[in-house]
Amino acid sequence: MAQFPHVYQSSARIDPEGLVAITGPGLPKLDSAPPAEFGGPGDQWSPETLLTAAVADCFVLTFRAIARASKLSWNRLEVDVEGTLDKVDGETRFTSILVKARLQAPDGTDEGKAVRIMEKSEKMCLITNSLMAEVHLEPSVSLG
């Protein structure tokens, strides 16, 4: 791992009409638009969906690293993230993030250990640690 601090860059470009072009060094372009709730088309990534996707992505990558270090065998992890946007003291912001994590693991896996690793992943996720919103984890483990 590289020494801290790490610096990440991205750019956005928009014309009076059309989609936002999001770019980053060495990365493919990503199109974005406002969500339907803000008058957008509702069929593109938006800042709001990108934030929830960043939480999901960070959670699964953090889980993979911790599970590997903990020698936990597992088959698949599926994560759904729901972010609630609301007005607080006149400001619009995410007030809560719900992370629903469903882990499938081989028979004989210590379910308690698997849940603890999911809980640790939520606590160590650098994206959720950077947010003001409350984060709630709903872990589940299925064997077989």
N, C-alpha and C. Protein backbone atom coordinates (compact mmCIF):
# COMPACT_ATOMS: atom_id res chain seq x y z
N MET A 1 0.84 -1.18 0.00
CA MET A 1 0.00 0.00 0.00
C MET A 1 0.89 1.24 0.00
N ALA A 2 0.45 2.26 -0.71
CA ALA A 2 1.19 3.51 -0.78
C ALA A 2 1.08 4.28 0.54
N GLN A 3 2.07 5.10 0.81
CA GLN A 3 2.08 5.93 2.01
C GLN A 3 0.93 6.93 1.98
N PHE A 4 0.37 7.28 3.14
CA PHE A 4 -0.65 8.31 3.24
C PHE A 4 0.00 9.67 3.28
N PRO A 5 -0.62 10.72 2.85
CA PRO A 5 -1.99 10.75 2.32
C PRO A 5 -2.05 10.30 0.87
N HIS A 6 -3.21 9.74 0.49
CA HIS A 6 -3.50 9.40 -0.90
C HIS A 6 -4.32 10.54 -1.48
N VAL A 7 -4.11 10.85 -2.74
CA VAL A 7 -4.87 11.92 -3.40
C VAL A 7 -5.55 11.33 -4.62
N TYR A 8 -6.85 11.59 -4.75
CA TYR A 8 -7.64 11.09 -5.88
C TYR A 8 -8.21 12.27 -6.62
N GLN A 9 -8.29 12.15 -7.94
CA GLN A 9 -8.76 13.27 -8.76
C GLN A 9 -9.88 12.81 -9.68
N SER A 10 -10.81 13.69 -9.90
CA SER A 10 -11.84 13.48 -10.92
C SER A 10 -12.28 14.85 -11.41
N SER A 11 -12.94 14.84 -12.56
CA SER A 11 -13.41 16.09 -13.17
C SER A 11 -14.82 15.88 -13.69
N ALA A 12 -15.57 16.95 -13.77
CA ALA A 12 -16.90 16.91 -14.35
C ALA A 12 -17.02 18.06 -15.35
N ARG A 13 -17.70 17.76 -16.47
CA ARG A 13 -17.92 18.79 -17.50
C ARG A 13 -19.39 18.71 -17.89
N ILE A 14 -20.00 19.89 -18.03
CA ILE A 14 -21.40 19.95 -18.41
C ILE A 14 -21.63 21.13 -19.34
N ASP A 15 -22.52 20.94 -20.28
CA ASP A 15 -22.97 22.00 -21.18
C ASP A 15 -24.34 22.47 -20.69
N PRO A 16 -24.89 23.54 -21.29
CA PRO A 16 -26.21 24.01 -20.83
C PRO A 16 -27.29 22.92 -20.87
N GLU A 17 -27.18 21.96 -21.75
CA GLU A 17 -28.12 20.83 -21.82
C GLU A 17 -27.33 19.54 -21.89
N GLY A 18 -27.95 18.44 -21.51
CA GLY A 18 -27.31 17.13 -21.66
C GLY A 18 -26.72 16.59 -20.38
N LEU A 19 -25.96 15.53 -20.54
CA LEU A 19 -25.40 14.79 -19.42
C LEU A 19 -24.11 15.42 -18.91
N VAL A 20 -23.78 15.08 -17.69
CA VAL A 20 -22.50 15.45 -17.09
C VAL A 20 -21.49 14.38 -17.50
N ALA A 21 -20.32 14.80 -17.94
CA ALA A 21 -19.23 13.88 -18.26
C ALA A 21 -18.27 13.88 -17.08
N ILE A 22 -18.15 12.72 -16.43
CA ILE A 22 -17.25 12.58 -15.29
C ILE A 22 -16.04 11.80 -15.77
N THR A 23 -14.86 12.31 -15.48
CA THR A 23 -13.63 11.65 -15.89
C THR A 23 -12.63 11.64 -14.74
N GLY A 24 -11.67 10.76 -14.87
CA GLY A 24 -10.57 10.69 -13.92
C GLY A 24 -9.35 10.17 -14.66
N PRO A 25 -8.17 10.48 -14.17
CA PRO A 25 -6.95 10.05 -14.85
C PRO A 25 -6.92 8.54 -15.08
N GLY A 26 -6.83 8.14 -16.34
CA GLY A 26 -6.74 6.74 -16.70
C GLY A 26 -8.03 5.96 -16.58
N LEU A 27 -9.16 6.63 -16.37
CA LEU A 27 -10.45 5.96 -16.17
C LEU A 27 -11.39 6.22 -17.33
N PRO A 28 -12.32 5.30 -17.60
CA PRO A 28 -13.30 5.57 -18.65
C PRO A 28 -14.27 6.66 -18.21
N LYS A 29 -14.78 7.38 -19.19
CA LYS A 29 -15.77 8.44 -18.92
C LYS A 29 -17.05 7.82 -18.39
N LEU A 30 -17.68 8.51 -17.47
CA LEU A 30 -18.94 8.08 -16.89
C LEU A 30 -19.94 9.22 -17.07
N ASP A 31 -21.12 8.90 -17.59
CA ASP A 31 -22.15 9.93 -17.74
C ASP A 31 -23.04 9.96 -16.51
N SER A 32 -23.50 11.16 -16.18
CA SER A 32 -24.33 11.37 -15.00
C SER A 32 -25.39 12.41 -15.32
N ALA A 33 -26.46 12.40 -14.54
CA ALA A 33 -27.55 13.38 -14.68
C ALA A 33 -28.25 13.48 -13.33
N PRO A 34 -29.05 14.51 -13.15
CA PRO A 34 -29.82 14.57 -11.91
C PRO A 34 -30.79 13.38 -11.83
N PRO A 35 -31.10 12.93 -10.62
CA PRO A 35 -32.09 11.86 -10.50
C PRO A 35 -33.49 12.42 -10.80
N ALA A 36 -34.44 11.51 -10.99
CA ALA A 36 -35.82 11.93 -11.28
C ALA A 36 -36.37 12.85 -10.20
N GLU A 37 -35.97 12.63 -8.95
CA GLU A 37 -36.47 13.44 -7.82
C GLU A 37 -36.08 14.91 -7.96
N PHE A 38 -35.03 15.18 -8.73
CA PHE A 38 -34.59 16.55 -8.95
C PHE A 38 -34.83 16.99 -10.38
N GLY A 39 -35.78 16.34 -11.06
CA GLY A 39 -36.14 16.75 -12.40
C GLY A 39 -35.31 16.14 -13.50
N GLY A 40 -34.44 15.20 -13.18
CA GLY A 40 -33.61 14.55 -14.18
C GLY A 40 -34.34 13.39 -14.83
N PRO A 41 -33.69 12.74 -15.78
CA PRO A 41 -34.34 11.66 -16.52
C PRO A 41 -34.55 10.39 -15.70
N GLY A 42 -33.75 10.18 -14.69
CA GLY A 42 -33.90 8.99 -13.86
C GLY A 42 -33.30 7.73 -14.45
N ASP A 43 -32.60 7.84 -15.57
CA ASP A 43 -32.03 6.66 -16.21
C ASP A 43 -30.51 6.74 -16.33
N GLN A 44 -29.91 7.60 -15.54
CA GLN A 44 -28.45 7.76 -15.54
C GLN A 44 -27.95 7.71 -14.09
N TRP A 45 -26.67 7.43 -13.95
CA TRP A 45 -26.06 7.59 -12.63
C TRP A 45 -26.18 9.05 -12.24
N SER A 46 -26.40 9.29 -10.95
CA SER A 46 -26.50 10.65 -10.42
C SER A 46 -25.52 10.76 -9.25
N PRO A 47 -25.27 11.99 -8.76
CA PRO A 47 -24.41 12.09 -7.58
C PRO A 47 -24.94 11.24 -6.42
N GLU A 48 -26.25 11.17 -6.29
CA GLU A 48 -26.85 10.42 -5.19
C GLU A 48 -26.63 8.91 -5.35
N THR A 49 -26.84 8.39 -6.56
CA THR A 49 -26.62 6.95 -6.77
C THR A 49 -25.13 6.62 -6.77
N LEU A 50 -24.30 7.54 -7.22
CA LEU A 50 -22.86 7.32 -7.17
C LEU A 50 -22.37 7.23 -5.72
N LEU A 51 -22.97 8.03 -4.84
CA LEU A 51 -22.58 7.98 -3.43
C LEU A 51 -22.95 6.62 -2.83
N THR A 52 -24.17 6.14 -3.09
CA THR A 52 -24.55 4.85 -2.54
C THR A 52 -23.71 3.73 -3.17
N ALA A 53 -23.38 3.86 -4.45
CA ALA A 53 -22.51 2.88 -5.10
C ALA A 53 -21.12 2.89 -4.49
N ALA A 54 -20.62 4.07 -4.12
CA ALA A 54 -19.30 4.17 -3.49
C ALA A 54 -19.31 3.45 -2.14
N VAL A 55 -20.42 3.58 -1.39
CA VAL A 55 -20.54 2.87 -0.12
C VAL A 55 -20.53 1.36 -0.35
N ALA A 56 -21.32 0.89 -1.30
CA ALA A 56 -21.38 -0.55 -1.58
C ALA A 56 -20.02 -1.08 -2.03
N ASP A 57 -19.38 -0.36 -2.94
CA ASP A 57 -18.07 -0.77 -3.46
C ASP A 57 -17.03 -0.81 -2.35
N CYS A 58 -17.01 0.22 -1.53
CA CYS A 58 -16.05 0.29 -0.44
C CYS A 58 -16.29 -0.85 0.55
N PHE A 59 -17.56 -1.11 0.87
CA PHE A 59 -17.87 -2.18 1.82
C PHE A 59 -17.36 -3.53 1.31
N VAL A 60 -17.67 -3.88 0.06
CA VAL A 60 -17.28 -5.21 -0.43
C VAL A 60 -15.76 -5.34 -0.54
N LEU A 61 -15.07 -4.27 -0.96
CA LEU A 61 -13.61 -4.33 -1.06
C LEU A 61 -12.97 -4.42 0.33
N THR A 62 -13.53 -3.70 1.30
CA THR A 62 -13.03 -3.78 2.67
C THR A 62 -13.28 -5.17 3.23
N PHE A 63 -14.48 -5.72 2.97
CA PHE A 63 -14.78 -7.08 3.43
C PHE A 63 -13.80 -8.08 2.84
N ARG A 64 -13.55 -8.00 1.54
CA ARG A 64 -12.65 -8.96 0.90
C ARG A 64 -11.27 -8.93 1.56
N ALA A 65 -10.76 -7.73 1.84
CA ALA A 65 -9.44 -7.61 2.46
C ALA A 65 -9.43 -8.18 3.88
N ILE A 66 -10.46 -7.86 4.66
CA ILE A 66 -10.51 -8.35 6.04
C ILE A 66 -10.74 -9.86 6.07
N ALA A 67 -11.62 -10.36 5.21
CA ALA A 67 -11.88 -11.81 5.16
C ALA A 67 -10.61 -12.56 4.79
N ARG A 68 -9.86 -12.02 3.83
CA ARG A 68 -8.60 -12.66 3.42
C ARG A 68 -7.63 -12.69 4.61
N ALA A 69 -7.48 -11.56 5.29
CA ALA A 69 -6.56 -11.50 6.43
C ALA A 69 -7.02 -12.40 7.58
N SER A 70 -8.34 -12.60 7.69
CA SER A 70 -8.91 -13.42 8.76
C SER A 70 -9.05 -14.89 8.36
N LYS A 71 -8.65 -15.20 7.14
CA LYS A 71 -8.74 -16.57 6.61
C LYS A 71 -10.18 -17.10 6.64
N LEU A 72 -11.14 -16.25 6.29
CA LEU A 72 -12.54 -16.65 6.19
C LEU A 72 -12.82 -17.08 4.76
N SER A 73 -13.29 -18.31 4.59
CA SER A 73 -13.71 -18.78 3.27
C SER A 73 -15.14 -18.31 3.02
N TRP A 74 -15.40 -17.86 1.81
CA TRP A 74 -16.74 -17.40 1.45
C TRP A 74 -16.90 -17.55 -0.05
N ASN A 75 -18.16 -17.57 -0.50
CA ASN A 75 -18.44 -17.78 -1.91
C ASN A 75 -18.89 -16.51 -2.64
N ARG A 76 -19.72 -15.73 -1.99
CA ARG A 76 -20.25 -14.53 -2.65
C ARG A 76 -20.77 -13.56 -1.58
N LEU A 77 -20.61 -12.28 -1.87
CA LEU A 77 -21.17 -11.23 -1.02
C LEU A 77 -21.97 -10.30 -1.92
N GLU A 78 -23.23 -10.12 -1.58
CA GLU A 78 -24.09 -9.18 -2.31
C GLU A 78 -24.50 -8.07 -1.33
N VAL A 79 -24.36 -6.84 -1.78
CA VAL A 79 -24.65 -5.70 -0.92
C VAL A 79 -25.58 -4.75 -1.64
N ASP A 80 -26.65 -4.37 -0.97
CA ASP A 80 -27.55 -3.32 -1.42
C ASP A 80 -27.42 -2.15 -0.46
N VAL A 81 -27.34 -0.95 -0.99
CA VAL A 81 -27.22 0.23 -0.16
C VAL A 81 -28.37 1.17 -0.47
N GLU A 82 -29.00 1.65 0.58
CA GLU A 82 -30.10 2.60 0.45
C GLU A 82 -29.72 3.86 1.24
N GLY A 83 -29.66 4.98 0.55
CA GLY A 83 -29.36 6.24 1.20
C GLY A 83 -30.61 7.10 1.28
N THR A 84 -30.85 7.68 2.44
CA THR A 84 -32.01 8.56 2.62
C THR A 84 -31.53 10.00 2.62
N LEU A 85 -32.07 10.77 1.67
CA LEU A 85 -31.75 12.18 1.53
C LEU A 85 -32.90 12.97 2.15
N ASP A 86 -32.57 13.93 3.00
CA ASP A 86 -33.62 14.69 3.68
C ASP A 86 -33.11 16.10 3.97
N LYS A 87 -34.01 16.93 4.45
CA LYS A 87 -33.65 18.29 4.87
C LYS A 87 -33.38 18.28 6.37
N VAL A 88 -32.25 18.84 6.76
CA VAL A 88 -31.89 18.96 8.17
C VAL A 88 -31.39 20.38 8.38
N ASP A 89 -32.08 21.12 9.24
CA ASP A 89 -31.71 22.51 9.53
C ASP A 89 -31.54 23.32 8.25
N GLY A 90 -32.45 23.10 7.29
CA GLY A 90 -32.44 23.86 6.06
C GLY A 90 -31.44 23.38 5.02
N GLU A 91 -30.69 22.34 5.31
CA GLU A 91 -29.71 21.79 4.36
C GLU A 91 -30.15 20.41 3.91
N THR A 92 -29.97 20.15 2.62
CA THR A 92 -30.27 18.83 2.08
C THR A 92 -29.03 17.97 2.21
N ARG A 93 -29.19 16.81 2.85
CA ARG A 93 -28.05 15.91 3.02
C ARG A 93 -28.55 14.50 3.27
N PHE A 94 -27.64 13.53 3.10
CA PHE A 94 -27.97 12.16 3.44
C PHE A 94 -28.02 12.05 4.96
N THR A 95 -29.13 11.53 5.46
CA THR A 95 -29.29 11.38 6.91
C THR A 95 -29.05 9.96 7.39
N SER A 96 -29.24 8.99 6.50
CA SER A 96 -28.95 7.61 6.89
C SER A 96 -28.56 6.79 5.66
N ILE A 97 -27.75 5.80 5.93
CA ILE A 97 -27.30 4.86 4.92
C ILE A 97 -27.56 3.47 5.47
N LEU A 98 -28.32 2.66 4.74
CA LEU A 98 -28.60 1.29 5.14
C LEU A 98 -27.81 0.36 4.22
N VAL A 99 -26.98 -0.48 4.82
CA VAL A 99 -26.16 -1.44 4.07
C VAL A 99 -26.71 -2.83 4.36
N LYS A 100 -27.30 -3.45 3.34
CA LYS A 100 -27.81 -4.81 3.48
C LYS A 100 -26.80 -5.75 2.83
N ALA A 101 -26.11 -6.51 3.67
CA ALA A 101 -25.03 -7.38 3.20
C ALA A 101 -25.45 -8.84 3.37
N ARG A 102 -25.44 -9.57 2.25
CA ARG A 102 -25.81 -10.98 2.25
C ARG A 102 -24.60 -11.81 1.81
N LEU A 103 -24.07 -12.56 2.76
CA LEU A 103 -22.88 -13.36 2.51
C LEU A 103 -23.28 -14.82 2.33
N GLN A 104 -22.76 -15.44 1.28
CA GLN A 104 -22.91 -16.89 1.11
C GLN A 104 -21.54 -17.49 1.38
N ALA A 105 -21.54 -18.49 2.26
CA ALA A 105 -20.28 -19.11 2.66
C ALA A 105 -20.44 -20.64 2.65
N PRO A 106 -19.32 -21.35 2.59
CA PRO A 106 -19.39 -22.82 2.57
C PRO A 106 -19.96 -23.38 3.87
N ASP A 107 -20.55 -24.58 3.77
CA ASP A 107 -21.01 -25.29 4.98
C ASP A 107 -19.87 -25.36 5.98
N GLY A 108 -20.21 -25.23 7.26
CA GLY A 108 -19.21 -25.31 8.31
C GLY A 108 -18.56 -23.98 8.66
N THR A 109 -18.89 -22.93 7.91
CA THR A 109 -18.32 -21.61 8.21
C THR A 109 -18.85 -21.12 9.55
N ASP A 110 -18.00 -20.50 10.33
CA ASP A 110 -18.39 -19.89 11.60
C ASP A 110 -19.20 -18.63 11.27
N GLU A 111 -20.53 -18.72 11.42
CA GLU A 111 -21.40 -17.60 11.06
C GLU A 111 -21.12 -16.37 11.92
N GLY A 112 -20.82 -16.58 13.19
CA GLY A 112 -20.51 -15.46 14.08
C GLY A 112 -19.27 -14.71 13.61
N LYS A 113 -18.25 -15.44 13.20
CA LYS A 113 -17.03 -14.82 12.68
C LYS A 113 -17.34 -14.05 11.41
N ALA A 114 -18.16 -14.63 10.53
CA ALA A 114 -18.52 -13.96 9.28
C ALA A 114 -19.25 -12.65 9.55
N VAL A 115 -20.19 -12.66 10.50
CA VAL A 115 -20.92 -11.43 10.85
C VAL A 115 -19.96 -10.41 11.45
N ARG A 116 -19.06 -10.85 12.32
CA ARG A 116 -18.09 -9.91 12.92
C ARG A 116 -17.22 -9.26 11.84
N ILE A 117 -16.85 -10.03 10.83
CA ILE A 117 -16.04 -9.47 9.74
C ILE A 117 -16.86 -8.47 8.93
N MET A 118 -18.14 -8.75 8.72
CA MET A 118 -18.99 -7.77 8.04
C MET A 118 -19.14 -6.50 8.88
N GLU A 119 -19.30 -6.66 10.17
CA GLU A 119 -19.40 -5.49 11.05
C GLU A 119 -18.10 -4.69 11.05
N LYS A 120 -16.99 -5.37 11.07
CA LYS A 120 -15.70 -4.69 11.02
C LYS A 120 -15.53 -3.97 9.68
N SER A 121 -16.00 -4.59 8.60
CA SER A 121 -15.92 -3.96 7.28
C SER A 121 -16.71 -2.66 7.24
N GLU A 122 -17.88 -2.67 7.86
CA GLU A 122 -18.70 -1.43 7.91
C GLU A 122 -17.96 -0.36 8.70
N LYS A 123 -17.35 -0.74 9.81
CA LYS A 123 -16.65 0.24 10.65
C LYS A 123 -15.38 0.77 9.99
N MET A 124 -14.74 -0.03 9.13
CA MET A 124 -13.47 0.38 8.52
C MET A 124 -13.63 0.97 7.13
N CYS A 125 -14.84 0.99 6.59
CA CYS A 125 -15.06 1.53 5.25
C CYS A 125 -14.75 3.02 5.24
N LEU A 126 -13.77 3.42 4.45
CA LEU A 126 -13.34 4.82 4.45
C LEU A 126 -14.40 5.75 3.88
N ILE A 127 -15.29 5.25 3.04
CA ILE A 127 -16.34 6.11 2.49
C ILE A 127 -17.36 6.44 3.57
N THR A 128 -17.89 5.42 4.25
CA THR A 128 -18.87 5.72 5.30
C THR A 128 -18.24 6.49 6.46
N ASN A 129 -16.98 6.26 6.72
CA ASN A 129 -16.30 7.02 7.78
C ASN A 129 -16.18 8.49 7.42
N SER A 130 -16.33 8.81 6.14
CA SER A 130 -16.21 10.20 5.69
C SER A 130 -17.55 10.92 5.60
N LEU A 131 -18.64 10.23 5.91
CA LEU A 131 -19.97 10.80 5.78
C LEU A 131 -20.54 11.20 7.12
N MET A 132 -21.45 12.19 7.10
CA MET A 132 -22.15 12.60 8.31
C MET A 132 -23.34 11.69 8.60
N ALA A 133 -23.85 11.01 7.62
CA ALA A 133 -25.05 10.18 7.78
C ALA A 133 -24.80 9.01 8.73
N GLU A 134 -25.85 8.60 9.44
CA GLU A 134 -25.78 7.40 10.25
C GLU A 134 -25.75 6.20 9.32
N VAL A 135 -24.91 5.23 9.63
CA VAL A 135 -24.80 4.03 8.81
C VAL A 135 -25.29 2.84 9.62
N HIS A 136 -26.19 2.06 9.03
CA HIS A 136 -26.74 0.88 9.67
C HIS A 136 -26.42 -0.33 8.80
N LEU A 137 -25.96 -1.40 9.43
CA LEU A 137 -25.63 -2.64 8.73
C LEU A 137 -26.67 -3.69 9.08
N GLU A 138 -27.19 -4.37 8.06
CA GLU A 138 -28.04 -5.54 8.24
C GLU A 138 -27.33 -6.73 7.62
N PRO A 139 -26.51 -7.45 8.40
CA PRO A 139 -25.78 -8.59 7.84
C PRO A 139 -26.61 -9.88 7.89
N SER A 140 -26.39 -10.73 6.92
CA SER A 140 -26.96 -12.07 6.96
C SER A 140 -25.97 -13.03 6.31
N VAL A 141 -25.97 -14.27 6.78
CA VAL A 141 -25.06 -15.29 6.27
C VAL A 141 -25.90 -16.51 5.91
N SER A 142 -25.68 -17.05 4.73
CA SER A 142 -26.29 -18.32 4.35
C SER A 142 -25.17 -19.28 4.00
N LEU A 143 -25.35 -20.52 4.41
CA LEU A 143 -24.33 -21.54 4.18
C LEU A 143 -24.79 -22.51 3.09
N GLY A 144 -23.79 -23.09 2.45
CA GLY A 144 -24.13 -24.10 1.46
C GLY A 144 -23.56 -23.85 0.11
